[in-house]
Amino acid sequence: MSKIIRILKYIFLFILLVMVTGCAPAKQNPYLKKRQSASRVNASQLGRNRYYFSNGYQKKLIKNYKKRANRD
């Protein structure tokens, strides 16, 4: 009888673990997604703003934002 209870406990813990990890939503930041999509622009006609909209600078901005968001 104790073997059956032990097996049922393990099954219950396994199911609980699967539910917690499988159903947990991914941490998403809609503000960051909006910024990323808005900053994808054709940089050929931007002139002075070309550096701001360049891929390198945008990555730098995203890294800084993620660092600040993780501090909170």
Protein backbone atom coordinates (compact mmCIF):
# COMPACT_ATOMS: atom_id res chain seq x y z
CA MET A 1 0.00 0.00 0.00
CA SER A 2 2.82 2.43 0.80
CA LYS A 3 4.36 1.78 -2.62
CA ILE A 4 1.14 2.84 -4.31
CA ILE A 5 0.97 6.03 -2.23
CA ARG A 6 4.61 6.80 -2.99
CA ILE A 7 4.03 6.28 -6.73
CA LEU A 8 0.93 8.48 -6.62
CA LYS A 9 2.91 11.22 -4.84
CA TYR A 10 5.62 11.11 -7.50
CA ILE A 11 3.05 11.22 -10.28
CA PHE A 12 1.30 14.15 -8.62
CA LEU A 13 4.56 16.05 -8.19
CA PHE A 14 5.52 15.37 -11.80
CA ILE A 15 2.14 16.58 -13.09
CA LEU A 16 2.38 19.66 -10.89
CA LEU A 17 5.87 20.41 -12.18
CA VAL A 18 4.74 20.02 -15.80
CA MET A 19 1.76 22.31 -15.24
CA VAL A 20 3.83 25.03 -13.57
CA THR A 21 6.55 25.08 -16.21
CA GLY A 22 4.31 24.49 -19.20
CA CYS A 23 1.57 26.95 -18.36
CA ALA A 24 3.72 29.78 -17.10
CA PRO A 25 3.56 32.64 -19.59
CA ALA A 26 6.80 33.97 -21.00
CA LYS A 27 7.83 37.34 -19.66
CA GLN A 28 6.99 39.77 -22.42
CA ASN A 29 7.36 43.50 -22.58
CA PRO A 30 4.92 45.16 -25.02
CA TYR A 31 6.65 48.54 -24.68
CA LEU A 32 9.96 47.04 -25.82
CA LYS A 33 8.28 45.30 -28.76
CA LYS A 34 6.71 48.56 -29.89
CA ARG A 35 10.06 50.34 -29.71
CA GLN A 36 11.79 47.62 -31.69
CA SER A 37 9.18 47.59 -34.45
CA ALA A 38 9.02 51.38 -34.64
CA SER A 39 12.77 51.75 -34.96
CA ARG A 40 13.11 49.53 -38.04
CA VAL A 41 13.37 52.23 -40.68
CA ASN A 42 15.12 52.66 -44.00
CA ALA A 43 18.16 54.67 -42.93
CA SER A 44 19.16 55.79 -46.42
CA GLN A 45 17.11 59.01 -46.30
CA LEU A 46 17.45 59.94 -42.65
CA GLY A 47 20.47 62.25 -42.73
CA ARG A 48 21.38 63.22 -39.16
CA ASN A 49 19.14 60.57 -37.64
CA ARG A 50 20.94 57.77 -39.48
CA TYR A 51 23.04 56.89 -36.42
CA TYR A 52 20.01 56.78 -34.12
CA PHE A 53 18.22 54.31 -36.38
CA SER A 54 21.30 52.18 -37.12
CA ASN A 55 21.27 48.56 -35.97
CA GLY A 56 24.24 49.02 -33.64
CA TYR A 57 22.74 51.96 -31.78
CA GLN A 58 19.34 50.29 -31.54
CA LYS A 59 20.95 47.22 -29.95
CA LYS A 60 22.72 49.51 -27.50
CA LEU A 61 19.43 51.18 -26.58
CA ILE A 62 17.71 47.83 -26.08
CA LYS A 63 20.53 46.57 -23.84
CA ASN A 64 20.33 49.71 -21.69
CA TYR A 65 16.55 49.41 -21.46
CA LYS A 66 16.76 45.74 -20.44
CA LYS A 67 19.33 46.57 -17.74
CA ARG A 68 17.07 49.29 -16.33
CA ALA A 69 13.96 47.09 -16.54
CA ASN A 70 15.71 44.26 -14.69
CA ARG A 71 16.74 46.57 -11.84
CA ASP A 72 13.14 47.12 -10.79
